[in-house]
Amino acid sequence: MTEPSTRAFPDQREGEDRLSFDPMERVDAQLRFIGRIETPWRRGDCPKNVTRAREAGQGARVILESGFAQGLTGLEVGQGILLFYWMHQARRDLITQRPRHRDTASGTFALRSPNRVNPISLAAVRITSLDLEAGVIGIDAIDCFDGTPLLDIKPSAPAVDVPPEL
């Protein structure tokens, strides 16, 4: 068993635990980034969620790589979409975490933290502009660093995307 990555990360907080193995030794699939997300955010000033990003009033843009623009056909300004993106600067070795606003730690899968084995994030955003030829989507807000890799785009379907009441 190899020691987990020793890449420079912020200090662990009390109550946080690292995995006892390097999760990258157990790769099961491959992903292809389809573009990048241009945002005003960098480490230290990025909002902790999309709600906070909207409050900041800062829009963003999705820039697709060449060859993917045709996949935007059928989308419209004002429409809600789901963006799946790769939090490429996040830690991948924490199995429990203690967010700054909590007194105790929780399991990674019980949190919306970007720090996870597979740092995939999801944001429900609204299209503010659309350039089908260039493959560029303007969006109302997002909570990721400038240059974040984009994995996928799906149209929002509120009747499908909201879990039923118990």
N, C-alpha and C. Protein backbone atom coordinates (compact mmCIF):
# COMPACT_ATOMS: atom_id res chain seq x y z
N MET A 1 0.84 -1.17 0.00
CA MET A 1 0.00 0.00 0.00
C MET A 1 0.89 1.24 0.00
N THR A 2 0.58 2.15 -0.88
CA THR A 2 1.34 3.39 -0.99
C THR A 2 0.75 4.45 -0.08
N GLU A 3 1.60 5.29 0.46
CA GLU A 3 1.13 6.41 1.27
C GLU A 3 0.30 7.34 0.39
N PRO A 4 -0.77 7.90 0.92
CA PRO A 4 -1.53 8.89 0.16
C PRO A 4 -0.64 10.05 -0.26
N SER A 5 -1.06 10.75 -1.26
CA SER A 5 -0.31 11.87 -1.82
C SER A 5 0.14 12.84 -0.72
N THR A 6 1.35 13.33 -0.85
CA THR A 6 1.87 14.30 0.11
C THR A 6 1.88 15.69 -0.50
N ARG A 7 1.10 15.89 -1.58
CA ARG A 7 0.99 17.20 -2.21
C ARG A 7 0.63 18.25 -1.16
N ALA A 8 1.10 19.45 -1.33
CA ALA A 8 0.86 20.51 -0.35
C ALA A 8 -0.62 20.90 -0.32
N PHE A 9 -1.24 20.71 0.82
CA PHE A 9 -2.62 21.09 1.05
C PHE A 9 -2.69 21.88 2.33
N PRO A 10 -3.80 22.60 2.52
CA PRO A 10 -3.95 23.27 3.82
C PRO A 10 -3.90 22.24 4.95
N ASP A 11 -3.57 22.70 6.13
CA ASP A 11 -3.49 21.81 7.28
C ASP A 11 -4.82 21.10 7.51
N GLN A 12 -4.72 19.88 8.03
CA GLN A 12 -5.93 19.17 8.44
C GLN A 12 -6.45 19.79 9.71
N ARG A 13 -7.77 19.82 9.84
CA ARG A 13 -8.40 20.33 11.05
C ARG A 13 -8.62 19.17 12.01
N GLU A 14 -8.79 19.50 13.27
CA GLU A 14 -9.06 18.48 14.27
C GLU A 14 -10.32 17.70 13.87
N GLY A 15 -10.24 16.38 13.97
CA GLY A 15 -11.38 15.53 13.62
C GLY A 15 -11.35 15.03 12.19
N GLU A 16 -10.46 15.56 11.36
CA GLU A 16 -10.38 15.11 9.97
C GLU A 16 -9.48 13.89 9.88
N ASP A 17 -9.85 12.98 9.01
CA ASP A 17 -9.06 11.77 8.79
C ASP A 17 -8.74 11.63 7.31
N ARG A 18 -7.53 11.14 7.03
CA ARG A 18 -7.11 10.86 5.66
C ARG A 18 -7.35 9.39 5.36
N LEU A 19 -7.51 9.10 4.09
CA LEU A 19 -7.60 7.71 3.67
C LEU A 19 -6.27 7.03 3.94
N SER A 20 -6.30 5.73 4.16
CA SER A 20 -5.08 4.98 4.44
C SER A 20 -4.41 4.51 3.15
N PHE A 21 -4.97 4.87 2.01
CA PHE A 21 -4.43 4.48 0.71
C PHE A 21 -4.56 5.66 -0.25
N ASP A 22 -3.83 5.59 -1.36
CA ASP A 22 -3.93 6.62 -2.39
C ASP A 22 -5.07 6.23 -3.32
N PRO A 23 -6.17 7.00 -3.35
CA PRO A 23 -7.32 6.63 -4.17
C PRO A 23 -7.00 6.58 -5.66
N MET A 24 -5.95 7.24 -6.09
CA MET A 24 -5.60 7.23 -7.50
C MET A 24 -4.98 5.91 -7.95
N GLU A 25 -4.64 5.05 -7.00
CA GLU A 25 -4.15 3.71 -7.37
C GLU A 25 -5.29 2.80 -7.80
N ARG A 26 -6.50 3.24 -7.56
CA ARG A 26 -7.69 2.43 -7.87
C ARG A 26 -8.55 3.13 -8.93
N VAL A 27 -7.99 3.41 -10.07
CA VAL A 27 -8.70 4.12 -11.12
C VAL A 27 -9.59 3.13 -11.88
N ASP A 28 -10.88 3.49 -11.99
CA ASP A 28 -11.85 2.61 -12.63
C ASP A 28 -12.36 3.13 -13.97
N ALA A 29 -12.20 4.40 -14.25
CA ALA A 29 -12.75 4.97 -15.47
C ALA A 29 -11.90 6.15 -15.92
N GLN A 30 -12.17 6.61 -17.12
CA GLN A 30 -11.51 7.79 -17.64
C GLN A 30 -12.57 8.83 -17.97
N LEU A 31 -12.21 10.10 -17.80
CA LEU A 31 -13.10 11.20 -18.12
C LEU A 31 -12.42 12.10 -19.13
N ARG A 32 -13.23 12.80 -19.91
CA ARG A 32 -12.72 13.76 -20.89
C ARG A 32 -13.30 15.12 -20.56
N PHE A 33 -12.45 16.09 -20.29
CA PHE A 33 -12.93 17.45 -20.07
C PHE A 33 -13.42 18.00 -21.40
N ILE A 34 -14.56 18.70 -21.37
CA ILE A 34 -15.13 19.24 -22.61
C ILE A 34 -14.94 20.75 -22.71
N GLY A 35 -14.38 21.35 -21.69
CA GLY A 35 -14.14 22.79 -21.70
C GLY A 35 -13.65 23.26 -20.36
N ARG A 36 -13.69 24.57 -20.19
CA ARG A 36 -13.24 25.22 -18.96
C ARG A 36 -14.27 26.25 -18.54
N ILE A 37 -14.26 26.57 -17.26
CA ILE A 37 -15.16 27.59 -16.73
C ILE A 37 -14.34 28.82 -16.37
N GLU A 38 -14.69 29.96 -16.96
CA GLU A 38 -14.03 31.23 -16.66
C GLU A 38 -14.81 31.92 -15.56
N THR A 39 -14.15 32.19 -14.45
CA THR A 39 -14.79 32.84 -13.31
C THR A 39 -13.89 33.95 -12.78
N PRO A 40 -14.41 34.82 -11.93
CA PRO A 40 -13.57 35.82 -11.27
C PRO A 40 -12.88 35.28 -10.03
N TRP A 41 -13.05 34.00 -9.71
CA TRP A 41 -12.64 33.46 -8.42
C TRP A 41 -11.27 32.78 -8.45
N ARG A 42 -10.55 32.97 -7.37
CA ARG A 42 -9.26 32.32 -7.13
C ARG A 42 -9.29 31.79 -5.69
N ARG A 43 -8.29 30.98 -5.34
CA ARG A 43 -8.20 30.49 -3.97
C ARG A 43 -8.15 31.68 -3.02
N GLY A 44 -8.98 31.64 -1.99
CA GLY A 44 -9.01 32.71 -1.01
C GLY A 44 -10.19 33.66 -1.17
N ASP A 45 -10.79 33.72 -2.38
CA ASP A 45 -11.93 34.62 -2.55
C ASP A 45 -13.14 33.94 -3.19
N CYS A 46 -13.09 32.64 -3.38
CA CYS A 46 -14.18 31.92 -4.02
C CYS A 46 -15.33 31.69 -3.04
N PRO A 47 -16.56 32.00 -3.46
CA PRO A 47 -17.70 31.74 -2.58
C PRO A 47 -17.82 30.25 -2.27
N LYS A 48 -18.39 29.92 -1.11
CA LYS A 48 -18.47 28.51 -0.70
C LYS A 48 -19.59 27.75 -1.38
N ASN A 49 -20.51 28.44 -2.06
CA ASN A 49 -21.57 27.76 -2.81
C ASN A 49 -22.15 28.73 -3.85
N VAL A 50 -23.01 28.21 -4.72
CA VAL A 50 -23.56 29.01 -5.81
C VAL A 50 -24.46 30.13 -5.27
N THR A 51 -25.16 29.89 -4.18
CA THR A 51 -25.99 30.94 -3.60
C THR A 51 -25.14 32.15 -3.24
N ARG A 52 -23.99 31.92 -2.60
CA ARG A 52 -23.08 33.02 -2.24
C ARG A 52 -22.50 33.67 -3.50
N ALA A 53 -22.23 32.88 -4.52
CA ALA A 53 -21.72 33.44 -5.77
C ALA A 53 -22.75 34.36 -6.41
N ARG A 54 -24.03 33.97 -6.37
CA ARG A 54 -25.09 34.83 -6.90
C ARG A 54 -25.18 36.14 -6.12
N GLU A 55 -25.04 36.04 -4.81
CA GLU A 55 -25.09 37.24 -3.97
C GLU A 55 -23.97 38.21 -4.33
N ALA A 56 -22.84 37.69 -4.79
CA ALA A 56 -21.71 38.53 -5.17
C ALA A 56 -21.96 39.24 -6.50
N GLY A 57 -22.95 38.76 -7.27
CA GLY A 57 -23.30 39.41 -8.53
C GLY A 57 -22.29 39.23 -9.64
N GLN A 58 -21.48 38.19 -9.56
CA GLN A 58 -20.45 37.93 -10.56
C GLN A 58 -20.90 36.79 -11.47
N GLY A 59 -21.05 37.07 -12.75
CA GLY A 59 -21.36 36.03 -13.71
C GLY A 59 -20.11 35.25 -14.07
N ALA A 60 -20.26 34.29 -14.95
CA ALA A 60 -19.13 33.47 -15.39
C ALA A 60 -19.42 32.99 -16.82
N ARG A 61 -18.44 32.33 -17.41
CA ARG A 61 -18.62 31.79 -18.76
C ARG A 61 -18.11 30.36 -18.83
N VAL A 62 -18.80 29.57 -19.62
CA VAL A 62 -18.38 28.21 -19.94
C VAL A 62 -17.83 28.26 -21.36
N ILE A 63 -16.59 27.83 -21.53
CA ILE A 63 -15.95 27.83 -22.84
C ILE A 63 -15.70 26.38 -23.24
N LEU A 64 -16.42 25.90 -24.27
CA LEU A 64 -16.24 24.53 -24.72
C LEU A 64 -15.00 24.40 -25.60
N GLU A 65 -14.38 23.24 -25.55
CA GLU A 65 -13.28 22.95 -26.45
C GLU A 65 -13.81 22.79 -27.87
N SER A 66 -12.94 22.96 -28.81
CA SER A 66 -13.30 22.82 -30.22
C SER A 66 -13.96 21.47 -30.47
N GLY A 67 -15.03 21.49 -31.25
CA GLY A 67 -15.72 20.26 -31.61
C GLY A 67 -16.94 19.96 -30.78
N PHE A 68 -17.12 20.65 -29.65
CA PHE A 68 -18.25 20.36 -28.77
C PHE A 68 -19.41 21.37 -28.88
N ALA A 69 -19.23 22.46 -29.60
CA ALA A 69 -20.24 23.53 -29.66
C ALA A 69 -21.59 23.03 -30.16
N GLN A 70 -21.61 22.12 -31.11
CA GLN A 70 -22.87 21.63 -31.65
C GLN A 70 -23.73 20.97 -30.58
N GLY A 71 -23.13 20.51 -29.52
CA GLY A 71 -23.86 19.90 -28.42
C GLY A 71 -24.74 20.88 -27.65
N LEU A 72 -24.57 22.17 -27.91
CA LEU A 72 -25.38 23.20 -27.25
C LEU A 72 -26.70 23.45 -27.98
N THR A 73 -26.86 22.87 -29.15
CA THR A 73 -28.07 23.06 -29.93
C THR A 73 -29.29 22.67 -29.11
N GLY A 74 -30.26 23.56 -29.05
CA GLY A 74 -31.48 23.32 -28.28
C GLY A 74 -31.51 24.05 -26.95
N LEU A 75 -30.36 24.51 -26.47
CA LEU A 75 -30.32 25.31 -25.24
C LEU A 75 -30.72 26.74 -25.57
N GLU A 76 -31.26 27.46 -24.58
CA GLU A 76 -31.72 28.83 -24.79
C GLU A 76 -31.36 29.72 -23.62
N VAL A 77 -31.18 31.00 -23.90
CA VAL A 77 -30.93 31.99 -22.84
C VAL A 77 -32.12 31.96 -21.89
N GLY A 78 -31.84 32.00 -20.59
CA GLY A 78 -32.87 31.96 -19.56
C GLY A 78 -33.12 30.56 -19.02
N GLN A 79 -32.66 29.56 -19.74
CA GLN A 79 -32.86 28.17 -19.34
C GLN A 79 -31.91 27.79 -18.20
N GLY A 80 -32.38 26.91 -17.34
CA GLY A 80 -31.54 26.35 -16.29
C GLY A 80 -30.77 25.16 -16.82
N ILE A 81 -29.50 25.05 -16.44
CA ILE A 81 -28.69 23.90 -16.80
C ILE A 81 -27.92 23.42 -15.58
N LEU A 82 -27.49 22.19 -15.64
CA LEU A 82 -26.64 21.61 -14.60
C LEU A 82 -25.24 21.48 -15.17
N LEU A 83 -24.26 22.03 -14.48
CA LEU A 83 -22.87 21.91 -14.88
C LEU A 83 -22.18 20.93 -13.94
N PHE A 84 -21.47 19.99 -14.51
CA PHE A 84 -20.67 19.03 -13.76
C PHE A 84 -19.21 19.41 -14.03
N TYR A 85 -18.47 19.68 -12.97
CA TYR A 85 -17.10 20.14 -13.16
C TYR A 85 -16.15 19.46 -12.19
N TRP A 86 -14.87 19.52 -12.52
CA TRP A 86 -13.81 18.82 -11.80
C TRP A 86 -13.05 19.82 -10.95
N MET A 87 -13.18 19.70 -9.63
CA MET A 87 -12.51 20.61 -8.72
C MET A 87 -11.03 20.21 -8.63
N HIS A 88 -10.29 20.59 -9.64
CA HIS A 88 -8.92 20.12 -9.85
C HIS A 88 -7.92 20.55 -8.79
N GLN A 89 -8.26 21.51 -7.95
CA GLN A 89 -7.34 21.92 -6.90
C GLN A 89 -7.76 21.41 -5.52
N ALA A 90 -8.75 20.54 -5.49
CA ALA A 90 -9.25 20.02 -4.22
C ALA A 90 -8.42 18.84 -3.72
N ARG A 91 -8.48 18.60 -2.44
CA ARG A 91 -7.85 17.42 -1.84
C ARG A 91 -8.66 16.20 -2.21
N ARG A 92 -7.98 15.06 -2.31
CA ARG A 92 -8.66 13.81 -2.64
C ARG A 92 -8.44 12.75 -1.56
N ASP A 93 -7.79 13.11 -0.48
CA ASP A 93 -7.39 12.12 0.51
C ASP A 93 -8.17 12.17 1.82
N LEU A 94 -9.14 13.06 1.96
CA LEU A 94 -9.88 13.17 3.22
C LEU A 94 -11.14 12.32 3.18
N ILE A 95 -11.35 11.52 4.19
CA ILE A 95 -12.56 10.70 4.29
C ILE A 95 -13.51 11.27 5.34
N THR A 96 -12.99 12.04 6.30
CA THR A 96 -13.82 12.86 7.19
C THR A 96 -13.27 14.27 7.12
N GLN A 97 -14.16 15.25 7.30
CA GLN A 97 -13.77 16.65 7.21
C GLN A 97 -14.52 17.46 8.26
N ARG A 98 -13.89 18.55 8.67
CA ARG A 98 -14.55 19.48 9.58
C ARG A 98 -14.54 20.86 8.95
N PRO A 99 -15.63 21.23 8.29
CA PRO A 99 -15.71 22.57 7.71
C PRO A 99 -15.52 23.64 8.78
N ARG A 100 -15.05 24.79 8.37
CA ARG A 100 -14.78 25.89 9.31
C ARG A 100 -16.01 26.28 10.11
N HIS A 101 -17.19 26.15 9.53
CA HIS A 101 -18.41 26.58 10.22
C HIS A 101 -19.02 25.50 11.12
N ARG A 102 -18.34 24.36 11.28
CA ARG A 102 -18.86 23.28 12.12
C ARG A 102 -17.90 22.97 13.26
N ASP A 103 -18.47 22.49 14.37
CA ASP A 103 -17.65 22.12 15.52
C ASP A 103 -17.15 20.69 15.44
N THR A 104 -17.83 19.85 14.66
CA THR A 104 -17.45 18.44 14.57
C THR A 104 -17.26 18.03 13.11
N ALA A 105 -16.58 16.92 12.93
CA ALA A 105 -16.32 16.40 11.59
C ALA A 105 -17.49 15.53 11.12
N SER A 106 -17.61 15.44 9.82
CA SER A 106 -18.58 14.55 9.18
C SER A 106 -17.86 13.78 8.08
N GLY A 107 -18.47 12.69 7.65
CA GLY A 107 -17.93 11.94 6.54
C GLY A 107 -17.99 12.75 5.26
N THR A 108 -17.01 12.57 4.40
CA THR A 108 -16.95 13.31 3.14
C THR A 108 -18.26 13.19 2.36
N PHE A 109 -18.89 12.01 2.38
CA PHE A 109 -20.10 11.81 1.58
C PHE A 109 -21.33 12.46 2.21
N ALA A 110 -21.18 13.02 3.40
CA ALA A 110 -22.27 13.75 4.05
C ALA A 110 -22.09 15.26 3.90
N LEU A 111 -21.09 15.67 3.12
CA LEU A 111 -20.77 17.09 2.93
C LEU A 111 -20.78 17.45 1.44
N ARG A 112 -20.92 18.74 1.18
CA ARG A 112 -20.83 19.23 -0.20
C ARG A 112 -19.46 19.85 -0.47
N SER A 113 -18.50 19.55 0.33
CA SER A 113 -17.15 20.05 0.17
C SER A 113 -16.56 19.62 -1.18
N PRO A 114 -15.69 20.45 -1.77
CA PRO A 114 -15.01 20.03 -2.99
C PRO A 114 -13.96 18.96 -2.73
N ASN A 115 -13.54 18.81 -1.48
CA ASN A 115 -12.53 17.82 -1.13
C ASN A 115 -13.18 16.45 -1.03
N ARG A 116 -12.91 15.60 -2.03
CA ARG A 116 -13.50 14.26 -2.09
C ARG A 116 -12.65 13.38 -2.99
N VAL A 117 -12.84 12.09 -2.88
CA VAL A 117 -12.04 11.15 -3.67
C VAL A 117 -12.12 11.49 -5.15
N ASN A 118 -13.33 11.69 -5.66
CA ASN A 118 -13.55 12.16 -7.03
C ASN A 118 -14.11 13.57 -6.92
N PRO A 119 -13.29 14.59 -7.12
CA PRO A 119 -13.73 15.96 -6.87
C PRO A 119 -14.68 16.51 -7.94
N ILE A 120 -15.80 15.82 -8.10
CA ILE A 120 -16.82 16.24 -9.06
C ILE A 120 -17.78 17.16 -8.33
N SER A 121 -18.09 18.27 -8.96
CA SER A 121 -19.04 19.20 -8.38
C SER A 121 -20.17 19.43 -9.36
N LEU A 122 -21.28 19.91 -8.83
CA LEU A 122 -22.48 20.13 -9.60
C LEU A 122 -23.05 21.49 -9.24
N ALA A 123 -23.44 22.26 -10.25
CA ALA A 123 -24.08 23.55 -10.00
C ALA A 123 -25.29 23.70 -10.91
N ALA A 124 -26.39 24.14 -10.33
CA ALA A 124 -27.58 24.48 -11.11
C ALA A 124 -27.48 25.97 -11.40
N VAL A 125 -27.33 26.32 -12.67
CA VAL A 125 -27.12 27.70 -13.08
C VAL A 125 -28.13 28.09 -14.16
N ARG A 126 -28.17 29.37 -14.46
CA ARG A 126 -29.06 29.88 -15.51
C ARG A 126 -28.22 30.46 -16.63
N ILE A 127 -28.62 30.17 -17.88
CA ILE A 127 -27.93 30.70 -19.05
C ILE A 127 -28.28 32.18 -19.21
N THR A 128 -27.26 33.04 -19.28
CA THR A 128 -27.47 34.47 -19.47
C THR A 128 -27.12 34.91 -20.89
N SER A 129 -26.30 34.15 -21.57
CA SER A 129 -25.97 34.41 -22.97
C SER A 129 -25.52 33.10 -23.60
N LEU A 130 -25.60 33.04 -24.91
CA LEU A 130 -25.28 31.78 -25.59
C LEU A 130 -24.74 32.08 -26.98
N ASP A 131 -23.54 31.62 -27.26
CA ASP A 131 -22.93 31.75 -28.58
C ASP A 131 -22.71 30.33 -29.10
N LEU A 132 -23.66 29.85 -29.90
CA LEU A 132 -23.61 28.47 -30.38
C LEU A 132 -22.42 28.22 -31.29
N GLU A 133 -22.04 29.20 -32.09
CA GLU A 133 -20.91 29.01 -33.00
C GLU A 133 -19.59 28.90 -32.25
N ALA A 134 -19.41 29.74 -31.25
CA ALA A 134 -18.15 29.75 -30.50
C ALA A 134 -18.13 28.72 -29.38
N GLY A 135 -19.29 28.18 -29.02
CA GLY A 135 -19.33 27.23 -27.91
C GLY A 135 -19.12 27.90 -26.57
N VAL A 136 -19.77 29.06 -26.38
CA VAL A 136 -19.61 29.83 -25.14
C VAL A 136 -20.99 30.06 -24.52
N ILE A 137 -21.09 29.76 -23.23
CA ILE A 137 -22.32 29.97 -22.47
C ILE A 137 -22.02 30.96 -21.35
N GLY A 138 -22.79 32.04 -21.30
CA GLY A 138 -22.73 32.93 -20.14
C GLY A 138 -23.67 32.37 -19.09
N ILE A 139 -23.23 32.37 -17.84
CA ILE A 139 -24.07 31.85 -16.75
C ILE A 139 -24.17 32.89 -15.63
N ASP A 140 -25.21 32.76 -14.82
CA ASP A 140 -25.46 33.76 -13.78
C ASP A 140 -24.42 33.75 -12.67
N ALA A 141 -23.93 32.59 -12.26
CA ALA A 141 -22.96 32.51 -11.16
C ALA A 141 -22.46 31.08 -11.04
N ILE A 142 -21.32 30.92 -10.40
CA ILE A 142 -20.80 29.59 -10.08
C ILE A 142 -19.72 29.74 -9.00
N ASP A 143 -19.48 28.66 -8.29
CA ASP A 143 -18.55 28.69 -7.14
C ASP A 143 -17.31 27.84 -7.39
N CYS A 144 -16.56 28.16 -8.43
CA CYS A 144 -15.32 27.42 -8.69
C CYS A 144 -14.25 28.38 -9.16
N PHE A 145 -13.01 27.93 -9.10
CA PHE A 145 -11.87 28.76 -9.49
C PHE A 145 -11.86 28.95 -11.00
N ASP A 146 -11.30 30.06 -11.43
CA ASP A 146 -11.11 30.33 -12.85
C ASP A 146 -10.29 29.20 -13.48
N GLY A 147 -10.76 28.71 -14.62
CA GLY A 147 -10.05 27.66 -15.33
C GLY A 147 -10.47 26.25 -14.93
N THR A 148 -11.48 26.12 -14.09
CA THR A 148 -11.93 24.80 -13.65
C THR A 148 -12.39 23.98 -14.86
N PRO A 149 -11.94 22.73 -14.95
CA PRO A 149 -12.34 21.86 -16.06
C PRO A 149 -13.81 21.46 -15.99
N LEU A 150 -14.46 21.48 -17.15
CA LEU A 150 -15.87 21.12 -17.27
C LEU A 150 -16.00 19.67 -17.73
N LEU A 151 -16.85 18.91 -17.04
CA LEU A 151 -17.09 17.51 -17.39
C LEU A 151 -18.31 17.31 -18.28
N ASP A 152 -19.42 18.00 -17.96
CA ASP A 152 -20.65 17.77 -18.70
C ASP A 152 -21.64 18.90 -18.44
N ILE A 153 -22.64 18.98 -19.31
CA ILE A 153 -23.74 19.93 -19.22
C ILE A 153 -25.02 19.15 -19.44
N LYS A 154 -26.00 19.38 -18.59
CA LYS A 154 -27.32 18.76 -18.78
C LYS A 154 -28.38 19.83 -18.58
N PRO A 155 -29.49 19.74 -19.33
CA PRO A 155 -30.57 20.69 -19.08
C PRO A 155 -31.20 20.39 -17.72
N SER A 156 -31.61 21.42 -17.02
CA SER A 156 -32.28 21.24 -15.75
C SER A 156 -33.72 20.79 -16.00
N ALA A 157 -34.16 19.84 -15.24
CA ALA A 157 -35.53 19.34 -15.32
C ALA A 157 -36.07 19.29 -13.89
N PRO A 158 -36.63 20.39 -13.39
CA PRO A 158 -37.05 20.47 -12.00
C PRO A 158 -37.94 19.31 -11.54
N ALA A 159 -38.81 18.81 -12.38
CA ALA A 159 -39.69 17.70 -11.98
C ALA A 159 -38.89 16.41 -11.77
N VAL A 160 -37.72 16.33 -12.39
CA VAL A 160 -36.89 15.13 -12.29
C VAL A 160 -35.77 15.30 -11.27
N ASP A 161 -35.21 16.51 -11.19
CA ASP A 161 -34.02 16.76 -10.39
C ASP A 161 -34.27 16.92 -8.89
N VAL A 162 -35.51 17.09 -8.48
CA VAL A 162 -35.82 17.29 -7.06
C VAL A 162 -36.32 15.97 -6.49
N PRO A 163 -35.70 15.50 -5.39
CA PRO A 163 -36.16 14.23 -4.81
C PRO A 163 -37.59 14.38 -4.27
N PRO A 164 -38.35 13.29 -4.26
CA PRO A 164 -39.72 13.35 -3.74
C PRO A 164 -39.71 13.53 -2.22
N GLU A 165 -40.80 14.05 -1.70
CA GLU A 165 -40.94 14.19 -0.25
C GLU A 165 -41.08 12.80 0.34
N LEU A 166 -40.56 12.60 1.54
CA LEU A 166 -40.68 11.31 2.23
C LEU A 166 -41.98 11.23 3.00
